[in-house]
Each structure stands twice: as structure tokens, then as C-alpha cells.
């Protein structure tokens, strides 16, 4: 199964509340914080909403 490595690259300060909540739901807390998630449509949708704040890498499990 493919996994996604998501790293926050930009601050959530002064961003709309839904974007801040999406980062929280992804488990990201600060700049350069990295989390790993399974590649699901739900996670892909969350990443799409905050694509300007994060970097995403696909890793093979």
C-alpha cells in the first residue's frame, strides 16, 4: 500500500479557520513537522485543501 509523507512548509497564521482545522486533522502542528498517512481519497482531499501549505511525497510501504 502506498503511503503519503506530508510536511507542513508554511505557517497557518492568518489563514482561514477551515484550512487551520484541516492541518490539525492531518496531525500537523508546526512548520517542518512531518506525518505519514495511508493514501486514501479522504486524505488526498484534505491535502488538496491545503496544498499551498504542505509538501507531499509518496512512499512505498
C-alpha atoms as a PDB file:
ATOM      1  CA  UNK A   1       0.000   0.000   0.000  1.00  0.00           C
ATOM      2  CA  UNK A   2       1.189   3.472  -0.808  1.00  0.00           C
ATOM      3  CA  UNK A   3       1.699   5.960   1.984  1.00  0.00           C
ATOM      4  CA  UNK A   4       1.913   9.742   1.857  1.00  0.00           C
ATOM      5  CA  UNK A   5       4.545  11.734   3.713  1.00  0.00           C
ATOM      6  CA  UNK A   6       3.078  15.181   4.406  1.00  0.00           C
ATOM      7  CA  UNK A   7       5.279  18.045   5.617  1.00  0.00           C
ATOM      8  CA  UNK A   8       3.985  21.477   6.615  1.00  0.00           C
ATOM      9  CA  UNK A   9       6.065  24.112   4.814  1.00  0.00           C
ATOM     10  CA  UNK A  10       4.168  27.317   5.518  1.00  0.00           C
ATOM     11  CA  UNK A  11       2.538  28.831   8.565  1.00  0.00           C
ATOM     12  CA  UNK A  12      -1.174  28.562   9.267  1.00  0.00           C
ATOM     13  CA  UNK A  13      -1.231  32.032  10.832  1.00  0.00           C
ATOM     14  CA  UNK A  14      -3.687  34.390   9.130  1.00  0.00           C
ATOM     15  CA  UNK A  15      -5.244  31.535   7.148  1.00  0.00           C
ATOM     16  CA  UNK A  16      -8.988  30.800   7.165  1.00  0.00           C
ATOM     17  CA  UNK A  17     -10.244  28.614  10.001  1.00  0.00           C
ATOM     18  CA  UNK A  18     -11.163  25.650   7.741  1.00  0.00           C
ATOM     19  CA  UNK A  19      -7.558  25.471   6.494  1.00  0.00           C
ATOM     20  CA  UNK A  20      -6.174  25.585  10.044  1.00  0.00           C
ATOM     21  CA  UNK A  21      -8.568  22.835  11.103  1.00  0.00           C
ATOM     22  CA  UNK A  22      -7.559  20.720   8.105  1.00  0.00           C
ATOM     23  CA  UNK A  23      -3.895  20.971   9.126  1.00  0.00           C
ATOM     24  CA  UNK A  24      -4.864  19.924  12.655  1.00  0.00           C
ATOM     25  CA  UNK A  25      -6.870  16.986  11.288  1.00  0.00           C
ATOM     26  CA  UNK A  26      -3.826  15.887   9.288  1.00  0.00           C
ATOM     27  CA  UNK A  27      -1.818  15.961  12.523  1.00  0.00           C
ATOM     28  CA  UNK A  28       0.445  18.849  11.525  1.00  0.00           C
ATOM     29  CA  UNK A  29       1.413  21.185  14.344  1.00  0.00           C
ATOM     30  CA  UNK A  30       4.229  23.426  13.107  1.00  0.00           C
ATOM     31  CA  UNK A  31       6.430  24.228  10.129  1.00  0.00           C
ATOM     32  CA  UNK A  32       8.689  21.293   9.082  1.00  0.00           C
ATOM     33  CA  UNK A  33       6.520  18.834  11.025  1.00  0.00           C
ATOM     34  CA  UNK A  34       6.067  15.607   9.047  1.00  0.00           C
ATOM     35  CA  UNK A  35       3.371  12.959   9.333  1.00  0.00           C
ATOM     36  CA  UNK A  36       2.672   9.766   7.377  1.00  0.00           C
ATOM     37  CA  UNK A  37      -0.804   8.732   6.239  1.00  0.00           C
ATOM     38  CA  UNK A  38      -2.256   5.933   4.133  1.00  0.00           C
ATOM     39  CA  UNK A  39      -3.125   7.038   0.610  1.00  0.00           C
ATOM     40  CA  UNK A  40      -6.928   7.336   0.784  1.00  0.00           C
ATOM     41  CA  UNK A  41      -9.363   9.634  -1.036  1.00  0.00           C
ATOM     42  CA  UNK A  42     -10.162  11.364   2.261  1.00  0.00           C
ATOM     43  CA  UNK A  43      -6.520  12.222   2.966  1.00  0.00           C
ATOM     44  CA  UNK A  44      -5.988  13.290  -0.659  1.00  0.00           C
ATOM     45  CA  UNK A  45      -8.968  15.658  -0.340  1.00  0.00           C
ATOM     46  CA  UNK A  46      -7.594  17.171   2.868  1.00  0.00           C
ATOM     47  CA  UNK A  47      -4.191  17.676   1.247  1.00  0.00           C
ATOM     48  CA  UNK A  48      -5.838  19.326  -1.760  1.00  0.00           C
ATOM     49  CA  UNK A  49      -7.464  21.927   0.510  1.00  0.00           C
ATOM     50  CA  UNK A  50      -4.101  22.956   1.987  1.00  0.00           C
ATOM     51  CA  UNK A  51      -1.789  22.154  -0.938  1.00  0.00           C
ATOM     52  CA  UNK A  52      -0.218  25.645  -0.738  1.00  0.00           C
ATOM     53  CA  UNK A  53       0.879  24.988   2.878  1.00  0.00           C
ATOM     54  CA  UNK A  54       2.307  21.448   2.588  1.00  0.00           C
ATOM     55  CA  UNK A  55       4.686  19.256   0.586  1.00  0.00           C
ATOM     56  CA  UNK A  56       3.646  15.680  -0.220  1.00  0.00           C
ATOM     57  CA  UNK A  57       5.786  12.671  -1.108  1.00  0.00           C
ATOM     58  CA  UNK A  58       4.565   9.198  -2.000  1.00  0.00           C
ATOM     59  CA  UNK A  59       6.456   6.417  -0.262  1.00  0.00           C
ATOM     60  CA  UNK A  60       6.130   2.711  -0.917  1.00  0.00           C
ATOM     61  CA  UNK A  61       5.331   0.637   2.132  1.00  0.00           C
END
